[in-house]
Every structure is written in structure tokens, then in C-alpha cells.
Amino acid sequence: MGEILVNNLHDITNFTFAMVKWYDYCEKDSEESEIYGCHRLKMLKDYDIVPLDSIEQAIHIIPRFHKENQFLVNRNIF
């Protein structure tokens, strides 16, 4: 999370932002698309800076340590 201050002649504007790492659903292969009711994800190489107010919900991502670039979304925690 970060903050930018913009100062012009009349006022100071404050922008609060977050850096977001993107994930996508894994392609369907020999494994199920869900494990324990949690969707399988893969991490993308993309990052974005977004306004903090535009984030609707936090999610809990669990790494699958025995698999390369595979994660689960824990939908049961929130």
C-alpha cells in the first residue's frame, strides 16, 4: 500500500493505492478444477497499481507446496 500527495496552487490531493498481484484459474487437466471446494489458481507475471477504494474484497490464497505455480482460493474463510 502506498500514498501519493499532489500539491497544486489551491489544495493538496491524497491518493492511496495498492500493488496487486494477479492470478488466473488453472486450465483443466487431469486434476479437478476445485480441491476441497477451493478453485485452483496459477500466479501470473502481472502486477498493477490500483486505487485502494477500488478493491472490493480480500481473498485468502493458499500455496500448494508440492505443485509448481499452483494455489487454492480459500472461499470458506471470509
Protein backbone atom coordinates (compact mmCIF):
# COMPACT_ATOMS: atom_id res chain seq x y z
CA MET A 1 0.00 0.00 0.00
CA GLY A 2 1.26 3.47 -0.76
CA GLU A 3 0.25 7.07 -0.89
CA ILE A 4 0.78 9.93 -3.35
CA LEU A 5 0.32 13.60 -2.48
CA VAL A 6 -0.35 16.02 -5.33
CA ASN A 7 0.09 19.68 -4.47
CA ASN A 8 -1.32 22.32 -6.75
CA LEU A 9 -1.87 26.01 -6.00
CA HIS A 10 -5.27 25.56 -4.35
CA ASP A 11 -5.21 22.29 -2.41
CA ILE A 12 -3.41 19.03 -1.73
CA THR A 13 -4.92 15.81 -3.12
CA ASN A 14 -4.13 12.48 -1.48
CA PHE A 15 -4.25 9.18 -3.46
CA THR A 16 -4.00 5.87 -1.59
CA PHE A 17 -3.17 2.84 -3.73
CA ALA A 18 -2.20 -0.84 -3.51
CA MET A 19 0.01 -3.06 -5.66
CA VAL A 20 -1.99 -6.11 -6.75
CA LYS A 21 -0.55 -9.45 -7.90
CA TRP A 22 -2.82 -11.23 -10.38
CA TYR A 23 -3.85 -14.89 -10.53
CA ASP A 24 -5.93 -16.87 -13.02
CA TYR A 25 -7.77 -20.18 -12.88
CA CYS A 26 -5.71 -23.27 -13.81
CA GLU A 27 -6.55 -24.97 -17.07
CA LYS A 28 -8.50 -28.16 -16.74
CA ASP A 29 -6.14 -31.09 -16.91
CA SER A 30 -6.03 -34.45 -15.18
CA GLU A 31 -6.78 -32.74 -11.83
CA GLU A 32 -10.12 -31.36 -10.75
CA SER A 33 -10.69 -27.60 -11.10
CA GLU A 34 -11.60 -27.50 -7.38
CA ILE A 35 -9.97 -29.18 -4.41
CA TYR A 36 -11.88 -29.23 -1.10
CA GLY A 37 -14.32 -26.76 -2.68
CA CYS A 38 -11.49 -24.29 -3.44
CA HIS A 39 -10.64 -23.23 -7.01
CA ARG A 40 -7.12 -23.96 -8.29
CA LEU A 41 -5.15 -20.88 -9.38
CA LYS A 42 -1.89 -20.09 -11.12
CA MET A 43 0.13 -16.93 -10.47
CA LEU A 44 0.56 -14.59 -13.42
CA LYS A 45 3.56 -12.33 -14.01
CA ASP A 46 1.34 -9.22 -13.92
CA TYR A 47 1.20 -6.57 -11.21
CA ASP A 48 -0.99 -3.46 -11.21
CA ILE A 49 -1.26 -0.35 -9.08
CA VAL A 50 -4.92 0.25 -8.23
CA PRO A 51 -6.74 2.82 -6.09
CA LEU A 52 -7.38 1.34 -2.65
CA ASP A 53 -11.08 2.26 -2.87
CA SER A 54 -11.48 0.04 -5.96
CA ILE A 55 -10.65 -3.16 -4.02
CA GLU A 56 -13.93 -4.89 -3.20
CA GLN A 57 -12.77 -7.87 -1.14
CA ALA A 58 -9.63 -9.51 0.19
CA ILE A 59 -9.15 -13.22 -0.52
CA HIS A 60 -7.06 -15.91 1.13
CA ILE A 61 -4.71 -17.71 -1.29
CA ILE A 62 -3.07 -20.94 -0.15
CA PRO A 63 0.08 -22.20 -1.92
CA ARG A 64 0.22 -25.85 -2.96
CA PHE A 65 3.79 -26.52 -1.87
CA HIS A 66 4.10 -29.84 -3.74
CA LYS A 67 2.95 -28.28 -7.06
CA GLU A 68 4.72 -25.66 -9.18
CA ASN A 69 2.78 -22.39 -9.54
CA GLN A 70 -0.45 -23.73 -8.10
CA PHE A 71 -2.56 -22.15 -5.41
CA LEU A 72 -6.02 -22.55 -3.90
CA VAL A 73 -8.56 -19.83 -3.11
CA ASN A 74 -9.96 -20.37 0.37
CA ARG A 75 -13.55 -19.20 -0.04
CA ASN A 76 -14.51 -20.53 3.39
CA ILE A 77 -12.56 -18.00 5.47
CA PHE A 78 -14.50 -14.83 4.63
